[in-house]
Amino acid sequence: MLALVLIAILPASGVWAWGATGHEWVSGMAVEKLPDSVPTFIRTPEAAAEIAVMGRELDRSKGAGKTLDAERDPGHYVDLADDGSVEGILALHKLPVTRKDYGMLLRAGGKT
């Protein structure tokens, strides 16, 4: 009981949200839950393992410097609406090639 009380009152140290392992788990589970409409080669165990490992890479590059961060941090994720569109503005399969064009489309739709 004393140990629990000490743990509760000691100052907390910094924590890393999900960490690398959490990102791997979430990415791997996401691949396993993909619908049948996604091509089979993406849903193979080998692809799931590769995607799971790659799921942590954007967090690893955060803070790498102004040029890298300016391009990559805003693209860390996209918000999908219930209809599968990005921010309710454009279809996921119609995402533009560049972040600049993506931002322009979001702003035209009233989002940032």
PDB file of N, CA and C in Angstrom:
ATOM      1  N   MET A   1       0.827  -1.187   0.000  1.00  0.00           N
ATOM      2  CA  MET A   1       0.000   0.000   0.000  1.00  0.00           C
ATOM      3  C   MET A   1       0.877   1.258   0.000  1.00  0.00           C
ATOM      4  N   LEU A   2       1.953   1.200   0.774  1.00  0.00           N
ATOM      5  CA  LEU A   2       2.867   2.330   0.844  1.00  0.00           C
ATOM      6  C   LEU A   2       3.480   2.626  -0.531  1.00  0.00           C
ATOM      7  N   ALA A   3       3.823   1.587  -1.264  1.00  0.00           N
ATOM      8  CA  ALA A   3       4.398   1.767  -2.600  1.00  0.00           C
ATOM      9  C   ALA A   3       3.410   2.481  -3.524  1.00  0.00           C
ATOM     10  N   LEU A   4       2.147   2.117  -3.457  1.00  0.00           N
ATOM     11  CA  LEU A   4       1.131   2.768  -4.293  1.00  0.00           C
ATOM     12  C   LEU A   4       0.982   4.237  -3.929  1.00  0.00           C
ATOM     13  N   VAL A   5       1.008   4.541  -2.652  1.00  0.00           N
ATOM     14  CA  VAL A   5       0.897   5.936  -2.215  1.00  0.00           C
ATOM     15  C   VAL A   5       2.106   6.725  -2.702  1.00  0.00           C
ATOM     16  N   LEU A   6       3.306   6.158  -2.584  1.00  0.00           N
ATOM     17  CA  LEU A   6       4.507   6.843  -3.054  1.00  0.00           C
ATOM     18  C   LEU A   6       4.465   7.090  -4.556  1.00  0.00           C
ATOM     19  N   ILE A   7       4.025   6.102  -5.298  1.00  0.00           N
ATOM     20  CA  ILE A   7       3.913   6.258  -6.757  1.00  0.00           C
ATOM     21  C   ILE A   7       2.922   7.358  -7.101  1.00  0.00           C
ATOM     22  N   ALA A   8       1.822   7.419  -6.356  1.00  0.00           N
ATOM     23  CA  ALA A   8       0.786   8.412  -6.629  1.00  0.00           C
ATOM     24  C   ALA A   8       1.249   9.834  -6.335  1.00  0.00           C
ATOM     25  N   ILE A   9       2.133  10.020  -5.339  1.00  0.00           N
ATOM     26  CA  ILE A   9       2.520  11.384  -4.974  1.00  0.00           C
ATOM     27  C   ILE A   9       3.840  11.838  -5.593  1.00  0.00           C
ATOM     28  N   LEU A  10       4.615  10.923  -6.154  1.00  0.00           N
ATOM     29  CA  LEU A  10       5.868  11.304  -6.787  1.00  0.00           C
ATOM     30  C   LEU A  10       5.589  12.081  -8.067  1.00  0.00           C
ATOM     31  N   PRO A  11       6.425  13.058  -8.371  1.00  0.00           N
ATOM     32  CA  PRO A  11       6.202  13.801  -9.624  1.00  0.00           C
ATOM     33  C   PRO A  11       6.337  12.880 -10.833  1.00  0.00           C
ATOM     34  N   ALA A  12       5.462  13.092 -11.773  1.00  0.00           N
ATOM     35  CA  ALA A  12       5.489  12.264 -12.990  1.00  0.00           C
ATOM     36  C   ALA A  12       6.622  12.713 -13.892  1.00  0.00           C
ATOM     37  N   SER A  13       7.237  11.773 -14.530  1.00  0.00           N
ATOM     38  CA  SER A  13       8.264  12.108 -15.518  1.00  0.00           C
ATOM     39  C   SER A  13       7.603  12.190 -16.882  1.00  0.00           C
ATOM     40  N   GLY A  14       8.337  12.659 -17.851  1.00  0.00           N
ATOM     41  CA  GLY A  14       7.799  12.766 -19.202  1.00  0.00           C
ATOM     42  C   GLY A  14       7.401  11.408 -19.751  1.00  0.00           C
ATOM     43  N   VAL A  15       6.364  11.390 -20.537  1.00  0.00           N
ATOM     44  CA  VAL A  15       5.916  10.149 -21.161  1.00  0.00           C
ATOM     45  C   VAL A  15       5.786  10.364 -22.658  1.00  0.00           C
ATOM     46  N   TRP A  16       5.790   9.289 -23.395  1.00  0.00           N
ATOM     47  CA  TRP A  16       5.698   9.320 -24.847  1.00  0.00           C
ATOM     48  C   TRP A  16       4.367   8.735 -25.286  1.00  0.00           C
ATOM     49  N   ALA A  17       3.329   9.454 -25.262  1.00  0.00           N
ATOM     50  CA  ALA A  17       2.019   9.009 -25.746  1.00  0.00           C
ATOM     51  C   ALA A  17       1.992   7.513 -26.053  1.00  0.00           C
ATOM     52  N   TRP A  18       1.946   7.144 -27.320  1.00  0.00           N
ATOM     53  CA  TRP A  18       1.881   5.737 -27.702  1.00  0.00           C
ATOM     54  C   TRP A  18       3.249   5.096 -27.785  1.00  0.00           C
ATOM     55  N   GLY A  19       4.223   5.879 -28.149  1.00  0.00           N
ATOM     56  CA  GLY A  19       5.549   5.322 -28.373  1.00  0.00           C
ATOM     57  C   GLY A  19       5.574   4.475 -29.640  1.00  0.00           C
ATOM     58  N   ALA A  20       6.737   3.967 -29.957  1.00  0.00           N
ATOM     59  CA  ALA A  20       6.923   3.179 -31.175  1.00  0.00           C
ATOM     60  C   ALA A  20       6.059   1.926 -31.155  1.00  0.00           C
ATOM     61  N   THR A  21       6.013   1.257 -30.015  1.00  0.00           N
ATOM     62  CA  THR A  21       5.237   0.009 -29.925  1.00  0.00           C
ATOM     63  C   THR A  21       3.753   0.272 -30.137  1.00  0.00           C
ATOM     64  N   GLY A  22       3.237   1.327 -29.534  1.00  0.00           N
ATOM     65  CA  GLY A  22       1.824   1.668 -29.711  1.00  0.00           C
ATOM     66  C   GLY A  22       1.481   1.962 -31.153  1.00  0.00           C
ATOM     67  N   HIS A  23       2.378   2.684 -31.837  1.00  0.00           N
ATOM     68  CA  HIS A  23       2.144   2.974 -33.248  1.00  0.00           C
ATOM     69  C   HIS A  23       2.157   1.681 -34.074  1.00  0.00           C
ATOM     70  N   GLU A  24       3.054   0.786 -33.754  1.00  0.00           N
ATOM     71  CA  GLU A  24       3.085  -0.496 -34.475  1.00  0.00           C
ATOM     72  C   GLU A  24       1.793  -1.268 -34.258  1.00  0.00           C
ATOM     73  N   TRP A  25       1.351  -1.340 -33.020  1.00  0.00           N
ATOM     74  CA  TRP A  25       0.118  -2.089 -32.727  1.00  0.00           C
ATOM     75  C   TRP A  25      -1.070  -1.502 -33.483  1.00  0.00           C
ATOM     76  N   VAL A  26      -1.238  -0.183 -33.386  1.00  0.00           N
ATOM     77  CA  VAL A  26      -2.388   0.461 -34.022  1.00  0.00           C
ATOM     78  C   VAL A  26      -2.333   0.299 -35.539  1.00  0.00           C
ATOM     79  N   SER A  27      -1.165   0.511 -36.119  1.00  0.00           N
ATOM     80  CA  SER A  27      -1.034   0.367 -37.577  1.00  0.00           C
ATOM     81  C   SER A  27      -1.304  -1.068 -38.011  1.00  0.00           C
ATOM     82  N   GLY A  28      -0.757  -2.033 -37.267  1.00  0.00           N
ATOM     83  CA  GLY A  28      -0.981  -3.445 -37.601  1.00  0.00           C
ATOM     84  C   GLY A  28      -2.441  -3.835 -37.491  1.00  0.00           C
ATOM     85  N   MET A  29      -3.099  -3.385 -36.418  1.00  0.00           N
ATOM     86  CA  MET A  29      -4.526  -3.702 -36.243  1.00  0.00           C
ATOM     87  C   MET A  29      -5.363  -3.032 -37.325  1.00  0.00           C
ATOM     88  N   ALA A  30      -4.974  -1.825 -37.714  1.00  0.00           N
ATOM     89  CA  ALA A  30      -5.720  -1.127 -38.768  1.00  0.00           C
ATOM     90  C   ALA A  30      -5.669  -1.907 -40.074  1.00  0.00           C
ATOM     91  N   VAL A  31      -4.511  -2.441 -40.413  1.00  0.00           N
ATOM     92  CA  VAL A  31      -4.387  -3.230 -41.642  1.00  0.00           C
ATOM     93  C   VAL A  31      -5.266  -4.476 -41.553  1.00  0.00           C
ATOM     94  N   GLU A  32      -5.294  -5.110 -40.395  1.00  0.00           N
ATOM     95  CA  GLU A  32      -6.111  -6.318 -40.225  1.00  0.00           C
ATOM     96  C   GLU A  32      -7.596  -6.026 -40.384  1.00  0.00           C
ATOM     97  N   LYS A  33      -8.018  -4.790 -40.136  1.00  0.00           N
ATOM     98  CA  LYS A  33      -9.433  -4.424 -40.204  1.00  0.00           C
ATOM     99  C   LYS A  33      -9.831  -3.772 -41.523  1.00  0.00           C
ATOM    100  N   LEU A  34      -8.907  -3.711 -42.464  1.00  0.00           N
ATOM    101  CA  LEU A  34      -9.240  -3.113 -43.758  1.00  0.00           C
ATOM    102  C   LEU A  34     -10.350  -3.909 -44.442  1.00  0.00           C
ATOM    103  N   PRO A  35     -11.231  -3.223 -45.157  1.00  0.00           N
ATOM    104  CA  PRO A  35     -12.319  -3.938 -45.838  1.00  0.00           C
ATOM    105  C   PRO A  35     -11.811  -4.774 -47.007  1.00  0.00           C
ATOM    106  N   ASP A  36     -12.623  -5.693 -47.438  1.00  0.00           N
ATOM    107  CA  ASP A  36     -12.265  -6.566 -48.553  1.00  0.00           C
ATOM    108  C   ASP A  36     -12.050  -5.795 -49.850  1.00  0.00           C
ATOM    109  N   SER A  37     -12.555  -4.558 -49.927  1.00  0.00           N
ATOM    110  CA  SER A  37     -12.388  -3.764 -51.142  1.00  0.00           C
ATOM    111  C   SER A  37     -10.935  -3.292 -51.324  1.00  0.00           C
ATOM    112  N   VAL A  38     -10.136  -3.360 -50.251  1.00  0.00           N
ATOM    113  CA  VAL A  38      -8.713  -3.013 -50.350  1.00  0.00           C
ATOM    114  C   VAL A  38      -7.997  -4.192 -50.997  1.00  0.00           C
ATOM    115  N   PRO A  39      -7.095  -3.920 -51.933  1.00  0.00           N
ATOM    116  CA  PRO A  39      -6.411  -5.024 -52.624  1.00  0.00           C
ATOM    117  C   PRO A  39      -5.795  -6.033 -51.656  1.00  0.00           C
ATOM    118  N   THR A  40      -5.859  -7.290 -52.041  1.00  0.00           N
ATOM    119  CA  THR A  40      -5.396  -8.395 -51.207  1.00  0.00           C
ATOM    120  C   THR A  40      -3.938  -8.257 -50.799  1.00  0.00           C
ATOM    121  N   PHE A  41      -3.073  -7.783 -51.707  1.00  0.00           N
ATOM    122  CA  PHE A  41      -1.646  -7.715 -51.379  1.00  0.00           C
ATOM    123  C   PHE A  41      -1.373  -6.792 -50.195  1.00  0.00           C
ATOM    124  N   ILE A  42      -2.247  -5.827 -49.933  1.00  0.00           N
ATOM    125  CA  ILE A  42      -2.066  -4.933 -48.789  1.00  0.00           C
ATOM    126  C   ILE A  42      -2.486  -5.627 -47.492  1.00  0.00           C
ATOM    127  N   ARG A  43      -3.379  -6.585 -47.587  1.00  0.00           N
ATOM    128  CA  ARG A  43      -3.904  -7.259 -46.394  1.00  0.00           C
ATOM    129  C   ARG A  43      -3.158  -8.543 -46.040  1.00  0.00           C
ATOM    130  N   THR A  44      -2.048  -8.833 -46.707  1.00  0.00           N
ATOM    131  CA  THR A  44      -1.277 -10.037 -46.383  1.00  0.00           C
ATOM    132  C   THR A  44      -0.552  -9.842 -45.054  1.00  0.00           C
ATOM    133  N   PRO A  45      -0.224 -10.923 -44.354  1.00  0.00           N
ATOM    134  CA  PRO A  45       0.527 -10.786 -43.099  1.00  0.00           C
ATOM    135  C   PRO A  45       1.867 -10.066 -43.285  1.00  0.00           C
ATOM    136  N   GLU A  46       2.513 -10.297 -44.418  1.00  0.00           N
ATOM    137  CA  GLU A  46       3.798  -9.639 -44.677  1.00  0.00           C
ATOM    138  C   GLU A  46       3.620  -8.126 -44.823  1.00  0.00           C
ATOM    139  N   ALA A  47       2.592  -7.719 -45.563  1.00  0.00           N
ATOM    140  CA  ALA A  47       2.325  -6.294 -45.743  1.00  0.00           C
ATOM    141  C   ALA A  47       1.911  -5.659 -44.423  1.00  0.00           C
ATOM    142  N   ALA A  48       1.079  -6.368 -43.663  1.00  0.00           N
ATOM    143  CA  ALA A  48       0.644  -5.848 -42.359  1.00  0.00           C
ATOM    144  C   ALA A  48       1.839  -5.616 -41.446  1.00  0.00           C
ATOM    145  N   ALA A  49       2.789  -6.531 -41.445  1.00  0.00           N
ATOM    146  CA  ALA A  49       3.988  -6.382 -40.607  1.00  0.00           C
ATOM    147  C   ALA A  49       4.807  -5.173 -41.056  1.00  0.00           C
ATOM    148  N   GLU A  50       4.958  -5.001 -42.346  1.00  0.00           N
ATOM    149  CA  GLU A  50       5.730  -3.865 -42.871  1.00  0.00           C
ATOM    150  C   GLU A  50       5.032  -2.541 -42.570  1.00  0.00           C
ATOM    151  N   ILE A  51       3.730  -2.484 -42.778  1.00  0.00           N
ATOM    152  CA  ILE A  51       2.972  -1.261 -42.508  1.00  0.00           C
ATOM    153  C   ILE A  51       3.012  -0.939 -41.014  1.00  0.00           C
ATOM    154  N   ALA A  52       2.917  -1.963 -40.187  1.00  0.00           N
ATOM    155  CA  ALA A  52       2.971  -1.753 -38.736  1.00  0.00           C
ATOM    156  C   ALA A  52       4.275  -1.076 -38.334  1.00  0.00           C
ATOM    157  N   VAL A  53       5.389  -1.558 -38.865  1.00  0.00           N
ATOM    158  CA  VAL A  53       6.689  -0.964 -38.530  1.00  0.00           C
ATOM    159  C   VAL A  53       6.788   0.464 -39.065  1.00  0.00           C
ATOM    160  N   MET A  54       6.258   0.706 -40.251  1.00  0.00           N
ATOM    161  CA  MET A  54       6.328   2.041 -40.843  1.00  0.00           C
ATOM    162  C   MET A  54       5.412   3.038 -40.131  1.00  0.00           C
ATOM    163  N   GLY A  55       4.433   2.539 -39.380  1.00  0.00           N
ATOM    164  CA  GLY A  55       3.495   3.410 -38.683  1.00  0.00           C
ATOM    165  C   GLY A  55       4.141   4.346 -37.687  1.00  0.00           C
ATOM    166  N   ARG A  56       5.315   4.027 -37.216  1.00  0.00           N
ATOM    167  CA  ARG A  56       5.977   4.871 -36.221  1.00  0.00           C
ATOM    168  C   ARG A  56       6.942   5.888 -36.819  1.00  0.00           C
ATOM    169  N   GLU A  57       7.174   5.823 -38.111  1.00  0.00           N
ATOM    170  CA  GLU A  57       8.231   6.633 -38.715  1.00  0.00           C
ATOM    171  C   GLU A  57       7.987   8.137 -38.656  1.00  0.00           C
ATOM    172  N   LEU A  58       6.750   8.600 -38.845  1.00  0.00           N
ATOM    173  CA  LEU A  58       6.517  10.047 -38.797  1.00  0.00           C
ATOM    174  C   LEU A  58       6.818  10.614 -37.422  1.00  0.00           C
ATOM    175  N   ASP A  59       6.536   9.877 -36.358  1.00  0.00           N
ATOM    176  CA  ASP A  59       6.881  10.365 -35.030  1.00  0.00           C
ATOM    177  C   ASP A  59       8.383  10.415 -34.838  1.00  0.00           C
ATOM    178  N   ARG A  60       9.090   9.507 -35.431  1.00  0.00           N
ATOM    179  CA  ARG A  60      10.554   9.514 -35.305  1.00  0.00           C
ATOM    180  C   ARG A  60      11.179  10.711 -35.995  1.00  0.00           C
ATOM    181  N   SER A  61      10.551  11.203 -37.049  1.00  0.00           N
ATOM    182  CA  SER A  61      11.128  12.322 -37.785  1.00  0.00           C
ATOM    183  C   SER A  61      10.709  13.671 -37.221  1.00  0.00           C
ATOM    184  N   LYS A  62       9.747  13.712 -36.299  1.00  0.00           N
ATOM    185  CA  LYS A  62       9.328  14.986 -35.714  1.00  0.00           C
ATOM    186  C   LYS A  62      10.512  15.667 -35.048  1.00  0.00           C
ATOM    187  N   GLY A  63      10.577  16.956 -35.212  1.00  0.00           N
ATOM    188  CA  GLY A  63      11.640  17.716 -34.584  1.00  0.00           C
ATOM    189  C   GLY A  63      12.978  17.594 -35.286  1.00  0.00           C
ATOM    190  N   ALA A  64      12.983  17.083 -36.502  1.00  0.00           N
ATOM    191  CA  ALA A  64      14.233  16.871 -37.220  1.00  0.00           C
ATOM    192  C   ALA A  64      14.775  18.155 -37.842  1.00  0.00           C
ATOM    193  N   GLY A  65      13.978  19.173 -37.867  1.00  0.00           N
ATOM    194  CA  GLY A  65      14.442  20.434 -38.441  1.00  0.00           C
ATOM    195  C   GLY A  65      13.331  21.112 -39.214  1.00  0.00           C
ATOM    196  N   LYS A  66      13.468  22.399 -39.412  1.00  0.00           N
ATOM    197  CA  LYS A  66      12.401  23.200 -40.010  1.00  0.00           C
ATOM    198  C   LYS A  66      11.930  22.669 -41.360  1.00  0.00           C
ATOM    199  N   THR A  67      12.843  22.359 -42.252  1.00  0.00           N
ATOM    200  CA  THR A  67      12.436  21.901 -43.578  1.00  0.00           C
ATOM    201  C   THR A  67      11.657  20.597 -43.507  1.00  0.00           C
ATOM    202  N   LEU A  68      12.175  19.642 -42.792  1.00  0.00           N
ATOM    203  CA  LEU A  68      11.496  18.352 -42.685  1.00  0.00           C
ATOM    204  C   LEU A  68      10.173  18.493 -41.934  1.00  0.00           C
ATOM    205  N   ASP A  69      10.184  19.200 -40.821  1.00  0.00           N
ATOM    206  CA  ASP A  69       8.975  19.342 -40.017  1.00  0.00           C
ATOM    207  C   ASP A  69       7.874  20.088 -40.757  1.00  0.00           C
ATOM    208  N   ALA A  70       8.228  21.118 -41.505  1.00  0.00           N
ATOM    209  CA  ALA A  70       7.223  21.906 -42.225  1.00  0.00           C
ATOM    210  C   ALA A  70       6.500  21.062 -43.263  1.00  0.00           C
ATOM    211  N   GLU A  71       7.189  20.133 -43.849  1.00  0.00           N
ATOM    212  CA  GLU A  71       6.580  19.283 -44.870  1.00  0.00           C
ATOM    213  C   GLU A  71       5.868  18.073 -44.293  1.00  0.00           C
ATOM    214  N   ARG A  72       6.405  17.475 -43.248  1.00  0.00           N
ATOM    215  CA  ARG A  72       5.897  16.192 -42.791  1.00  0.00           C
ATOM    216  C   ARG A  72       4.931  16.271 -41.613  1.00  0.00           C
ATOM    217  N   ASP A  73       5.150  17.178 -40.653  1.00  0.00           N
ATOM    218  CA  ASP A  73       4.289  17.207 -39.472  1.00  0.00           C
ATOM    219  C   ASP A  73       2.818  17.451 -39.802  1.00  0.00           C
ATOM    220  N   PRO A  74       2.492  18.387 -40.710  1.00  0.00           N
ATOM    221  CA  PRO A  74       1.071  18.586 -41.007  1.00  0.00           C
ATOM    222  C   PRO A  74       0.421  17.366 -41.677  1.00  0.00           C
ATOM    223  N   GLY A  75       1.216  16.479 -42.241  1.00  0.00           N
ATOM    224  CA  GLY A  75       0.675  15.304 -42.920  1.00  0.00           C
ATOM    225  C   GLY A  75       0.681  14.065 -42.054  1.00  0.00           C
ATOM    226  N   HIS A  76       0.780  14.251 -40.753  1.00  0.00           N
ATOM    227  CA  HIS A  76       0.870  13.106 -39.836  1.00  0.00           C
ATOM    228  C   HIS A  76      -0.378  12.237 -39.882  1.00  0.00           C
ATOM    229  N   TYR A  77      -1.508  12.828 -40.127  1.00  0.00           N
ATOM    230  CA  TYR A  77      -2.760  12.069 -40.210  1.00  0.00           C
ATOM    231  C   TYR A  77      -3.778  12.879 -40.999  1.00  0.00           C
ATOM    232  N   VAL A  78      -4.859  12.267 -41.370  1.00  0.00           N
ATOM    233  CA  VAL A  78      -5.984  12.975 -41.974  1.00  0.00           C
ATOM    234  C   VAL A  78      -7.235  12.598 -41.198  1.00  0.00           C
ATOM    235  N   ASP A  79      -8.169  13.528 -41.115  1.00  0.00           N
ATOM    236  CA  ASP A  79      -9.447  13.260 -40.460  1.00  0.00           C
ATOM    237  C   ASP A  79     -10.438  12.790 -41.519  1.00  0.00           C
ATOM    238  N   LEU A  80     -10.934  11.577 -41.334  1.00  0.00           N
ATOM    239  CA  LEU A  80     -11.911  11.047 -42.277  1.00  0.00           C
ATOM    240  C   LEU A  80     -13.314  11.211 -41.717  1.00  0.00           C
ATOM    241  N   ALA A  81     -14.233  11.633 -42.560  1.00  0.00           N
ATOM    242  CA  ALA A  81     -15.641  11.722 -42.197  1.00  0.00           C
ATOM    243  C   ALA A  81     -16.261  10.336 -42.312  1.00  0.00           C
ATOM    244  N   ASP A  82     -17.479  10.193 -41.841  1.00  0.00           N
ATOM    245  CA  ASP A  82     -18.157   8.899 -41.914  1.00  0.00           C
ATOM    246  C   ASP A  82     -18.302   8.387 -43.341  1.00  0.00           C
ATOM    247  N   ASP A  83     -18.360   9.296 -44.304  1.00  0.00           N
ATOM    248  CA  ASP A  83     -18.505   8.869 -45.696  1.00  0.00           C
ATOM    249  C   ASP A  83     -17.154   8.517 -46.347  1.00  0.00           C
ATOM    250  N   GLY A  84     -16.074   8.566 -45.555  1.00  0.00           N
ATOM    251  CA  GLY A  84     -14.754   8.208 -46.065  1.00  0.00           C
ATOM    252  C   GLY A  84     -14.010   9.348 -46.720  1.00  0.00           C
ATOM    253  N   SER A  85     -14.590  10.548 -46.700  1.00  0.00           N
ATOM    254  CA  SER A  85     -13.912  11.686 -47.297  1.00  0.00           C
ATOM    255  C   SER A  85     -13.001  12.350 -46.265  1.00  0.00           C
ATOM    256  N   VAL A  86     -11.999  13.045 -46.747  1.00  0.00           N
ATOM    257  CA  VAL A  86     -11.082  13.761 -45.875  1.00  0.00           C
ATOM    258  C   VAL A  86     -11.744  15.077 -45.469  1.00  0.00           C
ATOM    259  N   GLU A  87     -11.974  15.221 -44.160  1.00  0.00           N
ATOM    260  CA  GLU A  87     -12.599  16.418 -43.612  1.00  0.00           C
ATOM    261  C   GLU A  87     -13.957  16.725 -44.256  1.00  0.00           C
ATOM    262  N   GLY A  88     -14.566  15.733 -44.897  1.00  0.00           N
ATOM    263  CA  GLY A  88     -15.834  15.957 -45.569  1.00  0.00           C
ATOM    264  C   GLY A  88     -15.693  16.770 -46.850  1.00  0.00           C
ATOM    265  N   ILE A  89     -14.445  16.923 -47.313  1.00  0.00           N
ATOM    266  CA  ILE A  89     -14.186  17.801 -48.453  1.00  0.00           C
ATOM    267  C   ILE A  89     -13.818  17.042 -49.716  1.00  0.00           C
ATOM    268  N   LEU A  90     -12.910  16.071 -49.611  1.00  0.00           N
ATOM    269  CA  LEU A  90     -12.505  15.359 -50.814  1.00  0.00           C
ATOM    270  C   LEU A  90     -12.354  13.873 -50.521  1.00  0.00           C
ATOM    271  N   ALA A  91     -12.565  13.085 -51.547  1.00  0.00           N
ATOM    272  CA  ALA A  91     -12.471  11.638 -51.401  1.00  0.00           C
ATOM    273  C   ALA A  91     -11.022  11.238 -51.127  1.00  0.00           C
ATOM    274  N   LEU A  92     -10.833  10.261 -50.262  1.00  0.00           N
ATOM    275  CA  LEU A  92      -9.501   9.812 -49.891  1.00  0.00           C
ATOM    276  C   LEU A  92      -8.694   9.398 -51.119  1.00  0.00           C
ATOM    277  N   HIS A  93      -9.332   8.747 -52.076  1.00  0.00           N
ATOM    278  CA  HIS A  93      -8.597   8.297 -53.260  1.00  0.00           C
ATOM    279  C   HIS A  93      -8.248   9.452 -54.206  1.00  0.00           C
ATOM    280  N   LYS A  94      -8.718  10.657 -53.901  1.00  0.00           N
ATOM    281  CA  LYS A  94      -8.404  11.812 -54.740  1.00  0.00           C
ATOM    282  C   LYS A  94      -7.453  12.792 -54.047  1.00  0.00           C
ATOM    283  N   LEU A  95      -6.735  12.306 -53.031  1.00  0.00           N
ATOM    284  CA  LEU A  95      -5.767  13.184 -52.371  1.00  0.00           C
ATOM    285  C   LEU A  95      -4.738  13.659 -53.382  1.00  0.00           C
ATOM    286  N   PRO A  96      -4.399  14.949 -53.355  1.00  0.00           N
ATOM    287  CA  PRO A  96      -3.400  15.456 -54.300  1.00  0.00           C
ATOM    288  C   PRO A  96      -2.001  14.954 -53.950  1.00  0.00           C
ATOM    289  N   VAL A  97      -1.104  15.127 -54.866  1.00  0.00           N
ATOM    290  CA  VAL A  97       0.259  14.627 -54.711  1.00  0.00           C
ATOM    291  C   VAL A  97       1.049  15.437 -53.682  1.00  0.00           C
ATOM    292  N   THR A  98       0.827  16.744 -53.629  1.00  0.00           N
ATOM    293  CA  THR A  98       1.626  17.578 -52.732  1.00  0.00           C
ATOM    294  C   THR A  98       0.814  18.081 -51.547  1.00  0.00           C
ATOM    295  N   ARG A  99       1.527  18.376 -50.469  1.00  0.00           N
ATOM    296  CA  ARG A  99       0.888  18.931 -49.282  1.00  0.00           C
ATOM    297  C   ARG A  99       0.332  20.315 -49.583  1.00  0.00           C
ATOM    298  N   LYS A 100       1.030  21.062 -50.418  1.00  0.00           N
ATOM    299  CA  LYS A 100       0.580  22.406 -50.788  1.00  0.00           C
ATOM    300  C   LYS A 100      -0.803  22.345 -51.445  1.00  0.00           C
ATOM    301  N   ASP A 101      -0.974  21.441 -52.395  1.00  0.00           N
ATOM    302  CA  ASP A 101      -2.273  21.294 -53.067  1.00  0.00           C
ATOM    303  C   ASP A 101      -3.341  20.792 -52.087  1.00  0.00           C
ATOM    304  N   TYR A 102      -2.960  19.903 -51.208  1.00  0.00           N
ATOM    305  CA  TYR A 102      -3.874  19.387 -50.190  1.00  0.00           C
ATOM    306  C   TYR A 102      -4.356  20.530 -49.289  1.00  0.00           C
ATOM    307  N   GLY A 103      -3.420  21.360 -48.837  1.00  0.00           N
ATOM    308  CA  GLY A 103      -3.779  22.502 -47.993  1.00  0.00           C
ATOM    309  C   GLY A 103      -4.693  23.471 -48.710  1.00  0.00           C
ATOM    310  N   MET A 104      -4.422  23.699 -49.989  1.00  0.00           N
ATOM    311  CA  MET A 104      -5.243  24.586 -50.783  1.00  0.00           C
ATOM    312  C   MET A 104      -6.689  24.063 -50.874  1.00  0.00           C
ATOM    313  N   LEU A 105      -6.835  22.762 -51.090  1.00  0.00           N
ATOM    314  CA  LEU A 105      -8.174  22.163 -51.159  1.00  0.00           C
ATOM    315  C   LEU A 105      -8.894  22.247 -49.811  1.00  0.00           C
ATOM    316  N   LEU A 106      -8.152  22.010 -48.730  1.00  0.00           N
ATOM    317  CA  LEU A 106      -8.772  22.117 -47.408  1.00  0.00           C
ATOM    318  C   LEU A 106      -9.238  23.547 -47.134  1.00  0.00           C
ATOM    319  N   ARG A 107      -8.389  24.535 -47.435  1.00  0.00           N
ATOM    320  CA  ARG A 107      -8.769  25.917 -47.210  1.00  0.00           C
ATOM    321  C   ARG A 107      -9.967  26.312 -48.061  1.00  0.00           C
ATOM    322  N   ALA A 108     -10.022  25.823 -49.299  1.00  0.00           N
ATOM    323  CA  ALA A 108     -11.167  26.123 -50.166  1.00  0.00           C
ATOM    324  C   ALA A 108     -12.456  25.544 -49.593  1.00  0.00           C
ATOM    325  N   GLY A 109     -12.322  24.451 -48.826  1.00  0.00           N
ATOM    326  CA  GLY A 109     -13.479  23.844 -48.196  1.00  0.00           C
ATOM    327  C   GLY A 109     -13.750  24.370 -46.792  1.00  0.00           C
ATOM    328  N   GLY A 110     -12.995  25.395 -46.379  1.00  0.00           N
ATOM    329  CA  GLY A 110     -13.234  26.008 -45.077  1.00  0.00           C
ATOM    330  C   GLY A 110     -12.493  25.361 -43.921  1.00  0.00           C
ATOM    331  N   LYS A 111     -11.503  24.518 -44.200  1.00  0.00           N
ATOM    332  CA  LYS A 111     -10.727  23.840 -43.146  1.00  0.00           C
ATOM    333  C   LYS A 111      -9.264  24.256 -43.255  1.00  0.00           C
ATOM    334  N   THR A 112      -8.500  23.917 -42.218  1.00  0.00           N
ATOM    335  CA  THR A 112      -7.058  24.197 -42.263  1.00  0.00           C
ATOM    336  C   THR A 112      -6.283  22.925 -42.092  1.00  0.00           C
TER     337      THR A 112
END
